[in-house]
């Protein structure tokens, strides 16, 4: 099912209750479903897992305000998809170019681990974002969970498309899925994902979009 994002969504009881608790402790936090950020019809769609406690859950913008966004915005800037290399807050004026950032799950999950039913419930919002990616567009999945969420949103079997850092998958309709390890603090500190590795994947996905998709005039 393809559904437009609902900023007041409370369909997942566990997540809604957890956000109520977080909002009570951190009254200045966004602590609500986090909308996607960027242009409406992107040549490059970046899909993460879920908002981080002190990142997107605090600021209200994906991958903004914590460690997870450091590599992402640096790589997008280097590839020409952002007008600056650091995302600080929802109102810092940063603009994405032919790019949109979203998450498989829009609400902060306890321990950063959404349940399968929560992934399913939120999948319609992701399907809406994917539907806006035009022919020639690229989708970059950050981590296995995001990879599988993209495929489910397209009614494709995840088992038929193995996740792997740097892997590419034909999605049909002249669109392509690129996989990367998630740019989390754990992955970067353990060197499972280096700056060079991540920049290479973002660059490859971006080049695909540039070669196959014509961006809308700005």
N, C-alpha and C. Protein backbone atom coordinates (compact mmCIF):
# COMPACT_ATOMS: atom_id res chain seq x y z
N UNK A 1 0.85 -1.19 0.00
CA UNK A 1 0.00 0.00 0.00
C UNK A 1 0.89 1.25 0.00
N UNK A 2 0.56 2.20 -0.85
CA UNK A 2 1.28 3.46 -0.92
C UNK A 2 0.49 4.52 -0.15
N UNK A 3 1.12 5.13 0.85
CA UNK A 3 0.43 6.11 1.70
C UNK A 3 1.28 7.35 1.88
N UNK A 4 0.66 8.52 1.81
CA UNK A 4 1.36 9.76 2.12
C UNK A 4 1.68 9.80 3.61
N UNK A 5 2.80 10.38 3.94
CA UNK A 5 3.25 10.44 5.32
C UNK A 5 2.24 11.13 6.22
N UNK A 6 2.02 10.56 7.40
CA UNK A 6 1.10 11.12 8.39
C UNK A 6 1.92 11.57 9.60
N UNK A 7 2.13 12.87 9.78
CA UNK A 7 2.95 13.35 10.90
C UNK A 7 2.34 13.09 12.27
N UNK A 8 1.06 12.73 12.32
CA UNK A 8 0.40 12.45 13.59
C UNK A 8 0.15 10.95 13.79
N UNK A 9 0.81 10.12 13.00
CA UNK A 9 0.58 8.67 13.05
C UNK A 9 0.87 8.10 14.44
N UNK A 10 -0.06 7.25 14.93
CA UNK A 10 0.14 6.53 16.19
C UNK A 10 -0.33 5.08 16.03
N UNK A 11 -0.11 4.53 14.85
CA UNK A 11 -0.61 3.19 14.56
C UNK A 11 0.15 2.09 15.29
N UNK A 12 1.36 2.35 15.70
CA UNK A 12 2.16 1.33 16.40
C UNK A 12 2.13 1.64 17.90
N UNK A 13 1.36 0.91 18.69
CA UNK A 13 1.19 1.22 20.11
C UNK A 13 2.51 1.31 20.88
N UNK A 14 3.43 0.39 20.62
CA UNK A 14 4.71 0.40 21.34
C UNK A 14 5.49 1.67 21.04
N UNK A 15 5.55 2.05 19.76
CA UNK A 15 6.31 3.23 19.38
C UNK A 15 5.64 4.51 19.87
N UNK A 16 4.31 4.57 19.77
CA UNK A 16 3.59 5.75 20.24
C UNK A 16 3.79 5.95 21.74
N UNK A 17 3.73 4.86 22.50
CA UNK A 17 3.92 4.93 23.95
C UNK A 17 5.35 5.35 24.29
N UNK A 18 6.31 4.82 23.55
CA UNK A 18 7.71 5.16 23.80
C UNK A 18 7.96 6.63 23.51
N UNK A 19 7.38 7.15 22.42
CA UNK A 19 7.55 8.57 22.11
C UNK A 19 6.91 9.45 23.18
N UNK A 20 5.80 9.02 23.74
CA UNK A 20 5.18 9.77 24.84
C UNK A 20 6.14 9.88 26.03
N UNK A 21 6.83 8.77 26.33
CA UNK A 21 7.80 8.77 27.44
C UNK A 21 8.98 9.68 27.14
N UNK A 22 9.47 9.61 25.90
CA UNK A 22 10.61 10.44 25.50
C UNK A 22 10.24 11.92 25.55
N UNK A 23 9.04 12.25 25.08
CA UNK A 23 8.59 13.65 25.06
C UNK A 23 8.46 14.20 26.48
N UNK A 24 8.06 13.35 27.42
CA UNK A 24 7.93 13.78 28.81
C UNK A 24 9.30 14.09 29.43
N UNK A 25 10.31 13.34 29.02
CA UNK A 25 11.67 13.54 29.55
C UNK A 25 12.42 14.65 28.82
N UNK A 26 12.12 14.79 27.53
CA UNK A 26 12.83 15.77 26.71
C UNK A 26 11.78 16.66 26.02
N UNK A 27 11.33 17.67 26.71
CA UNK A 27 10.20 18.46 26.23
C UNK A 27 10.54 19.28 24.98
N UNK A 28 11.82 19.48 24.72
CA UNK A 28 12.20 20.27 23.55
C UNK A 28 12.52 19.39 22.34
N UNK A 29 12.35 18.07 22.46
CA UNK A 29 12.62 17.16 21.34
C UNK A 29 11.42 17.11 20.38
N UNK A 30 11.69 16.79 19.13
CA UNK A 30 10.62 16.56 18.15
C UNK A 30 9.73 15.41 18.63
N UNK A 31 10.34 14.28 18.96
CA UNK A 31 9.64 13.14 19.59
C UNK A 31 8.31 12.82 18.93
N UNK A 32 8.33 12.67 17.62
CA UNK A 32 7.14 12.37 16.82
C UNK A 32 7.61 11.73 15.52
N UNK A 33 6.71 11.21 14.69
CA UNK A 33 7.14 10.68 13.40
C UNK A 33 7.96 11.73 12.63
N UNK A 34 9.05 11.28 12.03
CA UNK A 34 9.96 12.20 11.33
C UNK A 34 9.70 12.14 9.83
N UNK A 35 9.40 13.28 9.21
CA UNK A 35 9.15 13.29 7.77
C UNK A 35 10.43 13.13 6.97
N UNK A 36 10.29 12.75 5.71
CA UNK A 36 11.43 12.71 4.80
C UNK A 36 11.90 14.14 4.55
N UNK A 37 13.12 14.26 4.06
CA UNK A 37 13.72 15.58 3.83
C UNK A 37 14.35 15.62 2.44
N UNK A 38 14.05 16.66 1.67
CA UNK A 38 14.65 16.82 0.36
C UNK A 38 13.63 17.14 -0.71
N UNK A 39 14.02 16.96 -1.96
CA UNK A 39 13.15 17.30 -3.08
C UNK A 39 12.06 16.25 -3.24
N UNK A 40 10.98 16.64 -3.90
CA UNK A 40 9.81 15.76 -3.99
C UNK A 40 10.01 14.58 -4.93
N UNK A 41 10.75 14.78 -6.03
CA UNK A 41 10.98 13.71 -7.01
C UNK A 41 12.48 13.55 -7.21
N UNK A 42 13.11 12.85 -6.31
CA UNK A 42 14.58 12.79 -6.29
C UNK A 42 15.19 11.79 -7.27
N UNK A 43 16.30 12.17 -7.83
CA UNK A 43 17.07 11.21 -8.60
C UNK A 43 17.76 10.22 -7.69
N UNK A 44 18.04 10.64 -6.44
CA UNK A 44 18.66 9.77 -5.44
C UNK A 44 17.82 9.79 -4.17
N UNK A 45 17.31 8.63 -3.78
CA UNK A 45 16.58 8.47 -2.53
C UNK A 45 17.43 7.67 -1.57
N UNK A 46 17.73 8.23 -0.40
CA UNK A 46 18.52 7.57 0.63
C UNK A 46 17.57 7.05 1.70
N UNK A 47 17.69 5.77 2.03
CA UNK A 47 16.78 5.14 3.00
C UNK A 47 17.58 4.61 4.19
N UNK A 48 17.30 5.15 5.36
CA UNK A 48 17.92 4.67 6.59
C UNK A 48 17.01 3.73 7.35
N UNK A 49 17.36 3.45 8.60
CA UNK A 49 16.58 2.52 9.42
C UNK A 49 15.45 3.25 10.15
N UNK A 50 15.80 4.13 11.07
CA UNK A 50 14.81 4.83 11.90
C UNK A 50 15.49 6.03 12.54
N UNK A 51 14.71 6.98 13.06
CA UNK A 51 15.31 8.13 13.74
C UNK A 51 16.14 7.69 14.95
N UNK A 52 17.26 8.40 15.19
CA UNK A 52 18.06 8.16 16.39
C UNK A 52 17.54 8.98 17.55
N UNK A 53 17.74 8.50 18.75
CA UNK A 53 17.22 9.17 19.95
C UNK A 53 17.60 10.65 20.00
N UNK A 54 18.88 10.95 19.87
CA UNK A 54 19.33 12.32 20.01
C UNK A 54 19.69 12.95 18.67
N UNK A 55 19.27 12.29 17.59
CA UNK A 55 19.47 12.82 16.25
C UNK A 55 18.15 13.28 15.68
N UNK A 56 17.63 12.52 14.71
CA UNK A 56 16.37 12.91 14.06
C UNK A 56 15.20 12.99 15.04
N UNK A 57 15.18 12.15 16.05
CA UNK A 57 14.10 12.22 17.03
C UNK A 57 14.14 13.54 17.79
N UNK A 58 15.32 14.11 17.94
CA UNK A 58 15.46 15.41 18.61
C UNK A 58 15.19 16.57 17.66
N UNK A 59 15.77 16.49 16.46
CA UNK A 59 15.74 17.65 15.55
C UNK A 59 14.57 17.66 14.58
N UNK A 60 14.01 16.46 14.29
CA UNK A 60 12.91 16.39 13.34
C UNK A 60 13.35 16.31 11.89
N UNK A 61 14.65 16.11 11.64
CA UNK A 61 15.15 15.94 10.27
C UNK A 61 16.00 14.67 10.23
N UNK A 62 15.82 13.82 9.21
CA UNK A 62 16.59 12.57 9.13
C UNK A 62 18.10 12.81 9.18
N UNK A 63 18.77 11.98 9.97
CA UNK A 63 20.23 11.97 10.06
C UNK A 63 20.80 13.34 10.44
N UNK A 64 20.13 14.01 11.36
CA UNK A 64 20.57 15.35 11.76
C UNK A 64 20.70 15.43 13.28
N UNK A 65 21.89 15.82 13.73
CA UNK A 65 22.09 16.05 15.15
C UNK A 65 22.84 14.98 15.90
N UNK A 66 23.24 13.91 15.22
CA UNK A 66 24.04 12.89 15.90
C UNK A 66 25.09 12.32 14.95
N UNK A 67 25.82 11.34 15.43
CA UNK A 67 26.95 10.80 14.66
C UNK A 67 26.54 10.19 13.33
N UNK A 68 25.37 9.59 13.27
CA UNK A 68 24.97 8.84 12.08
C UNK A 68 24.94 9.70 10.82
N UNK A 69 24.67 10.99 10.98
CA UNK A 69 24.57 11.85 9.81
C UNK A 69 25.89 12.43 9.33
N UNK A 70 26.95 12.30 10.11
CA UNK A 70 28.22 12.93 9.74
C UNK A 70 28.71 12.45 8.38
N UNK A 71 28.84 11.14 8.24
CA UNK A 71 29.32 10.59 6.97
C UNK A 71 28.33 10.86 5.84
N UNK A 72 27.04 10.74 6.13
CA UNK A 72 26.04 10.86 5.08
C UNK A 72 26.08 12.24 4.42
N UNK A 73 25.98 13.29 5.22
CA UNK A 73 25.93 14.62 4.63
C UNK A 73 27.27 15.02 4.01
N UNK A 74 28.37 14.54 4.57
CA UNK A 74 29.67 14.80 3.94
C UNK A 74 29.73 14.16 2.57
N UNK A 75 29.25 12.92 2.49
CA UNK A 75 29.29 12.20 1.20
C UNK A 75 28.33 12.82 0.19
N UNK A 76 27.15 13.23 0.64
CA UNK A 76 26.20 13.86 -0.27
C UNK A 76 26.74 15.20 -0.79
N UNK A 77 27.39 15.94 0.07
CA UNK A 77 28.00 17.21 -0.34
C UNK A 77 29.10 16.96 -1.37
N UNK A 78 29.97 16.00 -1.09
CA UNK A 78 31.06 15.69 -2.02
C UNK A 78 30.53 15.23 -3.37
N UNK A 79 29.38 14.56 -3.37
CA UNK A 79 28.80 14.06 -4.62
C UNK A 79 27.90 15.08 -5.29
N UNK A 80 27.75 16.26 -4.70
CA UNK A 80 26.96 17.32 -5.32
C UNK A 80 25.47 17.29 -5.02
N UNK A 81 25.06 16.52 -4.01
CA UNK A 81 23.63 16.40 -3.69
C UNK A 81 23.20 17.27 -2.51
N UNK A 82 24.13 17.98 -1.89
CA UNK A 82 23.81 18.87 -0.78
C UNK A 82 24.62 20.15 -0.93
N UNK A 83 24.08 21.26 -0.42
CA UNK A 83 24.81 22.52 -0.54
C UNK A 83 25.74 22.78 0.63
N UNK A 84 25.80 21.83 1.58
CA UNK A 84 26.77 21.92 2.66
C UNK A 84 27.04 20.53 3.22
N UNK A 85 28.15 20.41 3.95
CA UNK A 85 28.63 19.10 4.37
C UNK A 85 28.14 18.67 5.74
N UNK A 86 27.38 19.52 6.43
CA UNK A 86 26.94 19.18 7.77
C UNK A 86 25.51 19.64 8.00
N UNK A 87 24.69 18.75 8.53
CA UNK A 87 23.30 19.08 8.87
C UNK A 87 23.22 19.27 10.38
N UNK A 88 22.87 20.48 10.80
CA UNK A 88 22.90 20.81 12.21
C UNK A 88 21.53 20.83 12.86
N UNK A 89 20.53 21.36 12.14
CA UNK A 89 19.19 21.46 12.70
C UNK A 89 18.18 21.56 11.56
N UNK A 90 16.91 21.43 11.89
CA UNK A 90 15.86 21.45 10.90
C UNK A 90 15.75 22.81 10.20
N UNK A 91 16.21 23.88 10.86
CA UNK A 91 16.09 25.22 10.28
C UNK A 91 17.45 25.85 9.96
N UNK A 92 18.45 25.03 9.64
CA UNK A 92 19.78 25.57 9.35
C UNK A 92 19.95 26.03 7.91
N UNK A 93 18.91 25.86 7.09
CA UNK A 93 18.97 26.33 5.71
C UNK A 93 19.58 25.37 4.72
N UNK A 94 20.04 24.22 5.17
CA UNK A 94 20.63 23.24 4.25
C UNK A 94 19.61 22.82 3.20
N UNK A 95 20.07 22.68 1.96
CA UNK A 95 19.21 22.23 0.87
C UNK A 95 19.83 21.05 0.15
N UNK A 96 19.01 20.05 -0.13
CA UNK A 96 19.45 18.91 -0.93
C UNK A 96 19.14 19.18 -2.39
N UNK A 97 19.96 18.64 -3.28
CA UNK A 97 19.81 18.81 -4.71
C UNK A 97 19.52 17.45 -5.35
N UNK A 98 18.33 17.32 -5.91
CA UNK A 98 17.92 16.08 -6.58
C UNK A 98 18.05 14.87 -5.65
N UNK A 99 17.82 15.08 -4.38
CA UNK A 99 18.01 14.02 -3.38
C UNK A 99 16.95 14.15 -2.29
N UNK A 100 16.60 13.02 -1.71
CA UNK A 100 15.65 12.96 -0.60
C UNK A 100 16.14 11.90 0.38
N UNK A 101 15.97 12.16 1.66
CA UNK A 101 16.40 11.23 2.71
C UNK A 101 15.18 10.82 3.52
N UNK A 102 15.03 9.52 3.75
CA UNK A 102 13.89 9.01 4.49
C UNK A 102 14.34 7.84 5.35
N UNK A 103 13.41 7.22 6.06
CA UNK A 103 13.71 6.06 6.89
C UNK A 103 12.67 4.97 6.69
N UNK A 104 13.08 3.74 6.93
CA UNK A 104 12.16 2.61 6.82
C UNK A 104 11.07 2.71 7.88
N UNK A 105 11.42 3.21 9.07
CA UNK A 105 10.47 3.43 10.16
C UNK A 105 10.59 4.88 10.58
N UNK A 106 9.47 5.59 10.71
CA UNK A 106 9.51 7.04 10.94
C UNK A 106 9.56 7.44 12.40
N UNK A 107 9.34 6.50 13.32
CA UNK A 107 9.36 6.80 14.75
C UNK A 107 10.56 6.14 15.42
N UNK A 108 11.07 6.80 16.45
CA UNK A 108 12.15 6.24 17.25
C UNK A 108 11.72 4.94 17.90
N UNK A 109 12.44 3.82 17.65
CA UNK A 109 12.10 2.57 18.32
C UNK A 109 12.99 2.34 19.54
N UNK A 110 12.48 1.69 20.58
CA UNK A 110 13.32 1.36 21.73
C UNK A 110 14.54 0.56 21.29
N UNK A 111 15.71 0.93 21.83
CA UNK A 111 16.97 0.26 21.52
C UNK A 111 17.30 0.28 20.02
N UNK A 112 16.67 1.20 19.30
CA UNK A 112 16.88 1.34 17.85
C UNK A 112 16.54 0.07 17.08
N UNK A 113 15.57 -0.70 17.59
CA UNK A 113 15.20 -1.97 16.96
C UNK A 113 13.69 -2.04 16.75
N UNK A 114 13.21 -1.66 15.58
CA UNK A 114 11.77 -1.78 15.30
C UNK A 114 11.36 -3.24 15.16
N UNK A 115 10.13 -3.55 15.55
CA UNK A 115 9.60 -4.89 15.40
C UNK A 115 9.13 -5.11 13.96
N UNK A 116 9.06 -6.37 13.51
CA UNK A 116 8.58 -6.64 12.15
C UNK A 116 7.22 -6.02 11.85
N UNK A 117 6.30 -6.05 12.81
CA UNK A 117 4.98 -5.48 12.58
C UNK A 117 5.06 -3.98 12.40
N UNK A 118 6.01 -3.33 13.09
CA UNK A 118 6.20 -1.89 12.95
C UNK A 118 6.80 -1.55 11.59
N UNK A 119 7.70 -2.38 11.13
CA UNK A 119 8.26 -2.21 9.78
C UNK A 119 7.14 -2.32 8.74
N UNK A 120 6.28 -3.29 8.93
CA UNK A 120 5.17 -3.50 7.99
C UNK A 120 4.21 -2.32 8.01
N UNK A 121 3.87 -1.85 9.20
CA UNK A 121 2.91 -0.76 9.33
C UNK A 121 3.43 0.52 8.68
N UNK A 122 4.72 0.76 8.75
CA UNK A 122 5.31 1.99 8.22
C UNK A 122 5.70 1.86 6.74
N UNK A 123 5.60 0.68 6.18
CA UNK A 123 6.11 0.45 4.84
C UNK A 123 5.37 1.23 3.76
N UNK A 124 4.10 1.56 4.00
CA UNK A 124 3.35 2.33 3.02
C UNK A 124 3.91 3.73 2.83
N UNK A 125 4.44 4.33 3.91
CA UNK A 125 5.05 5.65 3.80
C UNK A 125 6.31 5.57 2.94
N UNK A 126 7.10 4.52 3.14
CA UNK A 126 8.30 4.33 2.32
C UNK A 126 7.91 4.08 0.86
N UNK A 127 6.87 3.31 0.65
CA UNK A 127 6.41 3.06 -0.72
C UNK A 127 6.03 4.36 -1.42
N UNK A 128 5.47 5.29 -0.68
CA UNK A 128 5.12 6.60 -1.24
C UNK A 128 6.37 7.36 -1.68
N UNK A 129 7.42 7.32 -0.87
CA UNK A 129 8.68 7.98 -1.23
C UNK A 129 9.31 7.33 -2.46
N UNK A 130 9.26 6.01 -2.50
CA UNK A 130 9.86 5.28 -3.62
C UNK A 130 9.09 5.57 -4.91
N UNK A 131 7.77 5.66 -4.80
CA UNK A 131 6.95 5.92 -5.98
C UNK A 131 7.29 7.27 -6.62
N UNK A 132 7.84 8.18 -5.83
CA UNK A 132 8.19 9.50 -6.35
C UNK A 132 9.54 9.52 -7.06
N UNK A 133 10.30 8.43 -6.97
CA UNK A 133 11.59 8.36 -7.66
C UNK A 133 11.33 8.06 -9.14
N UNK A 134 11.71 8.95 -10.04
CA UNK A 134 11.38 8.77 -11.46
C UNK A 134 12.27 7.74 -12.13
N UNK A 135 11.93 7.43 -13.35
CA UNK A 135 12.76 6.54 -14.16
C UNK A 135 14.19 7.08 -14.20
N UNK A 136 15.14 6.18 -14.05
CA UNK A 136 16.54 6.59 -14.02
C UNK A 136 17.05 6.92 -12.64
N UNK A 137 16.18 6.82 -11.62
CA UNK A 137 16.56 7.15 -10.26
C UNK A 137 17.29 6.03 -9.56
N UNK A 138 18.02 6.41 -8.51
CA UNK A 138 18.76 5.45 -7.69
C UNK A 138 18.23 5.50 -6.26
N UNK A 139 18.21 4.35 -5.61
CA UNK A 139 17.83 4.26 -4.20
C UNK A 139 19.03 3.68 -3.45
N UNK A 140 19.44 4.36 -2.40
CA UNK A 140 20.57 3.91 -1.59
C UNK A 140 20.05 3.44 -0.24
N UNK A 141 20.18 2.15 0.03
CA UNK A 141 19.72 1.56 1.29
C UNK A 141 20.88 1.49 2.27
N UNK A 142 20.70 2.08 3.45
CA UNK A 142 21.74 2.07 4.47
C UNK A 142 21.45 0.95 5.47
N UNK A 143 22.03 -0.20 5.21
CA UNK A 143 21.84 -1.35 6.07
C UNK A 143 20.85 -2.35 5.53
N UNK A 144 20.92 -3.56 6.07
CA UNK A 144 20.08 -4.66 5.60
C UNK A 144 18.59 -4.39 5.83
N UNK A 145 18.24 -3.81 6.96
CA UNK A 145 16.83 -3.56 7.26
C UNK A 145 16.23 -2.61 6.23
N UNK A 146 16.96 -1.54 5.91
CA UNK A 146 16.48 -0.60 4.90
C UNK A 146 16.39 -1.27 3.54
N UNK A 147 17.37 -2.09 3.21
CA UNK A 147 17.39 -2.85 1.95
C UNK A 147 16.13 -3.70 1.82
N UNK A 148 15.80 -4.44 2.86
CA UNK A 148 14.62 -5.31 2.81
C UNK A 148 13.33 -4.49 2.79
N UNK A 149 13.31 -3.36 3.49
CA UNK A 149 12.12 -2.52 3.50
C UNK A 149 11.83 -1.95 2.11
N UNK A 150 12.88 -1.56 1.39
CA UNK A 150 12.70 -1.06 0.03
C UNK A 150 12.09 -2.13 -0.86
N UNK A 151 12.62 -3.33 -0.77
CA UNK A 151 12.13 -4.42 -1.61
C UNK A 151 10.68 -4.77 -1.28
N UNK A 152 10.35 -4.79 0.01
CA UNK A 152 8.96 -5.09 0.39
C UNK A 152 8.01 -3.99 -0.09
N UNK A 153 8.46 -2.76 -0.05
CA UNK A 153 7.62 -1.66 -0.53
C UNK A 153 7.33 -1.79 -2.02
N UNK A 154 8.22 -2.46 -2.73
CA UNK A 154 8.06 -2.68 -4.17
C UNK A 154 7.45 -4.05 -4.48
N UNK A 155 7.02 -4.77 -3.44
CA UNK A 155 6.43 -6.11 -3.60
C UNK A 155 7.43 -7.09 -4.22
N UNK A 156 8.69 -6.93 -3.86
CA UNK A 156 9.75 -7.81 -4.35
C UNK A 156 10.27 -8.66 -3.18
N UNK A 157 10.71 -9.87 -3.45
CA UNK A 157 11.14 -10.80 -2.41
C UNK A 157 12.57 -10.47 -1.97
N UNK A 158 12.78 -10.08 -0.71
CA UNK A 158 14.14 -9.77 -0.25
C UNK A 158 15.11 -10.94 -0.43
N UNK A 159 14.61 -12.16 -0.30
CA UNK A 159 15.50 -13.32 -0.43
C UNK A 159 16.12 -13.43 -1.82
N UNK A 160 15.51 -12.80 -2.80
CA UNK A 160 16.03 -12.87 -4.17
C UNK A 160 17.08 -11.80 -4.45
N UNK A 161 17.31 -10.90 -3.48
CA UNK A 161 18.24 -9.79 -3.69
C UNK A 161 19.15 -9.68 -2.46
N UNK A 162 20.27 -10.35 -2.49
CA UNK A 162 21.15 -10.42 -1.33
C UNK A 162 21.76 -9.07 -0.99
N UNK A 163 21.68 -8.71 0.29
CA UNK A 163 22.29 -7.47 0.75
C UNK A 163 23.80 -7.64 0.86
N UNK A 164 24.51 -6.60 0.47
CA UNK A 164 25.95 -6.58 0.64
C UNK A 164 26.48 -5.19 0.38
N UNK A 165 27.46 -4.77 1.13
CA UNK A 165 28.00 -3.43 0.91
C UNK A 165 28.53 -3.30 -0.51
N UNK A 166 28.03 -2.30 -1.22
CA UNK A 166 28.45 -2.09 -2.60
C UNK A 166 27.64 -2.85 -3.62
N UNK A 167 26.68 -3.68 -3.16
CA UNK A 167 25.87 -4.46 -4.11
C UNK A 167 24.90 -3.55 -4.85
N UNK A 168 24.52 -3.97 -6.06
CA UNK A 168 23.56 -3.24 -6.88
C UNK A 168 22.46 -4.20 -7.33
N UNK A 169 21.24 -3.69 -7.44
CA UNK A 169 20.10 -4.52 -7.82
C UNK A 169 19.19 -3.76 -8.78
N UNK A 170 18.80 -4.40 -9.84
CA UNK A 170 17.88 -3.82 -10.81
C UNK A 170 16.46 -3.89 -10.25
N UNK A 171 15.80 -2.76 -10.12
CA UNK A 171 14.45 -2.71 -9.58
C UNK A 171 13.39 -2.63 -10.67
N UNK A 172 13.82 -2.64 -11.93
CA UNK A 172 12.88 -2.44 -13.02
C UNK A 172 12.54 -0.97 -13.16
N UNK A 173 11.80 -0.63 -14.21
CA UNK A 173 11.40 0.76 -14.47
C UNK A 173 12.61 1.68 -14.52
N UNK A 174 13.75 1.13 -14.93
CA UNK A 174 14.99 1.90 -15.05
C UNK A 174 15.40 2.54 -13.73
N UNK A 175 15.18 1.82 -12.62
CA UNK A 175 15.63 2.28 -11.31
C UNK A 175 16.54 1.22 -10.70
N UNK A 176 17.45 1.67 -9.83
CA UNK A 176 18.46 0.75 -9.31
C UNK A 176 18.64 0.95 -7.81
N UNK A 177 18.79 -0.17 -7.11
CA UNK A 177 19.02 -0.15 -5.66
C UNK A 177 20.51 -0.39 -5.38
N UNK A 178 21.09 0.48 -4.56
CA UNK A 178 22.48 0.36 -4.13
C UNK A 178 22.49 0.11 -2.62
N UNK A 179 23.35 -0.80 -2.18
CA UNK A 179 23.43 -1.15 -0.76
C UNK A 179 24.70 -0.59 -0.13
N UNK A 180 24.57 -0.18 1.12
CA UNK A 180 25.73 0.21 1.92
C UNK A 180 25.52 -0.23 3.36
N UNK A 181 26.61 -0.50 4.06
CA UNK A 181 26.48 -0.63 5.50
C UNK A 181 25.97 0.69 6.05
N UNK A 182 25.24 0.62 7.15
CA UNK A 182 24.70 1.83 7.76
C UNK A 182 25.85 2.68 8.32
N UNK A 183 25.70 3.99 8.19
CA UNK A 183 26.75 4.90 8.66
C UNK A 183 26.58 5.19 10.16
N UNK A 184 26.46 4.16 10.95
CA UNK A 184 26.27 4.28 12.39
C UNK A 184 27.62 4.49 13.08
N UNK A 185 27.56 4.97 14.32
CA UNK A 185 28.79 5.12 15.10
C UNK A 185 29.52 3.79 15.24
N UNK A 186 28.76 2.72 15.51
CA UNK A 186 29.39 1.40 15.69
C UNK A 186 30.14 0.98 14.43
N UNK A 187 29.51 1.11 13.27
CA UNK A 187 30.15 0.66 12.03
C UNK A 187 31.37 1.50 11.68
N UNK A 188 31.32 2.79 11.96
CA UNK A 188 32.47 3.62 11.62
C UNK A 188 33.60 3.46 12.64
N UNK A 189 33.27 3.32 13.91
CA UNK A 189 34.31 3.17 14.92
C UNK A 189 35.01 1.82 14.84
N UNK A 190 34.29 0.79 14.43
CA UNK A 190 34.90 -0.53 14.27
C UNK A 190 35.57 -0.68 12.90
N UNK A 191 35.45 0.35 12.08
CA UNK A 191 36.03 0.37 10.73
C UNK A 191 35.38 -0.64 9.79
N UNK A 192 34.22 -1.11 10.17
CA UNK A 192 33.46 -1.93 9.22
C UNK A 192 33.09 -1.07 8.01
N UNK A 193 32.85 0.22 8.28
CA UNK A 193 32.57 1.18 7.22
C UNK A 193 33.51 2.36 7.37
N UNK A 194 34.30 2.61 6.35
CA UNK A 194 35.22 3.75 6.37
C UNK A 194 34.64 4.89 5.53
N UNK A 195 35.22 6.06 5.72
CA UNK A 195 34.79 7.22 4.93
C UNK A 195 34.92 6.94 3.44
N UNK A 196 36.03 6.30 3.08
CA UNK A 196 36.29 6.01 1.68
C UNK A 196 35.29 5.00 1.12
N UNK A 197 34.97 3.98 1.89
CA UNK A 197 33.99 2.97 1.46
C UNK A 197 32.63 3.60 1.22
N UNK A 198 32.23 4.47 2.17
CA UNK A 198 30.90 5.06 2.07
C UNK A 198 30.83 6.05 0.91
N UNK A 199 31.86 6.87 0.78
CA UNK A 199 31.88 7.85 -0.31
C UNK A 199 31.82 7.16 -1.66
N UNK A 200 32.45 6.00 -1.77
CA UNK A 200 32.45 5.27 -3.04
C UNK A 200 31.05 4.81 -3.41
N UNK A 201 30.29 4.31 -2.44
CA UNK A 201 28.93 3.84 -2.73
C UNK A 201 28.01 5.01 -3.05
N UNK A 202 28.10 6.09 -2.27
CA UNK A 202 27.27 7.26 -2.55
C UNK A 202 27.61 7.82 -3.93
N UNK A 203 28.89 7.85 -4.24
CA UNK A 203 29.31 8.34 -5.55
C UNK A 203 28.79 7.48 -6.68
N UNK A 204 28.81 6.17 -6.47
CA UNK A 204 28.33 5.24 -7.51
C UNK A 204 26.83 5.39 -7.73
N UNK A 205 26.07 5.49 -6.63
CA UNK A 205 24.62 5.68 -6.75
C UNK A 205 24.31 7.03 -7.40
N UNK A 206 25.06 8.04 -7.00
CA UNK A 206 24.85 9.36 -7.58
C UNK A 206 25.17 9.41 -9.06
N UNK A 207 26.21 8.70 -9.45
CA UNK A 207 26.58 8.69 -10.87
C UNK A 207 25.51 7.98 -11.70
N UNK A 208 24.96 6.91 -11.14
CA UNK A 208 23.86 6.23 -11.84
C UNK A 208 22.71 7.20 -12.10
N UNK A 209 22.34 7.94 -11.05
CA UNK A 209 21.23 8.90 -11.19
C UNK A 209 21.57 9.96 -12.24
N UNK A 210 22.79 10.43 -12.23
CA UNK A 210 23.16 11.47 -13.20
C UNK A 210 23.19 10.93 -14.63
N UNK A 211 23.57 9.68 -14.76
CA UNK A 211 23.66 9.10 -16.10
C UNK A 211 22.30 8.72 -16.67
N UNK A 212 21.32 8.46 -15.78
CA UNK A 212 20.04 7.92 -16.24
C UNK A 212 18.83 8.81 -15.96
N UNK A 213 19.00 9.83 -15.13
CA UNK A 213 17.87 10.64 -14.71
C UNK A 213 18.19 12.10 -14.93
N UNK A 214 17.21 12.85 -15.45
CA UNK A 214 17.36 14.28 -15.63
C UNK A 214 16.65 14.99 -14.46
N UNK A 215 17.43 15.71 -13.67
CA UNK A 215 16.86 16.38 -12.51
C UNK A 215 15.92 17.50 -12.92
N UNK A 216 14.89 17.72 -12.12
CA UNK A 216 13.97 18.83 -12.38
C UNK A 216 14.70 20.15 -12.19
N UNK A 217 14.34 21.19 -12.94
CA UNK A 217 14.98 22.50 -12.79
C UNK A 217 14.82 23.01 -11.36
N UNK A 218 15.85 23.68 -10.83
CA UNK A 218 15.81 24.23 -9.47
C UNK A 218 15.38 25.69 -9.54
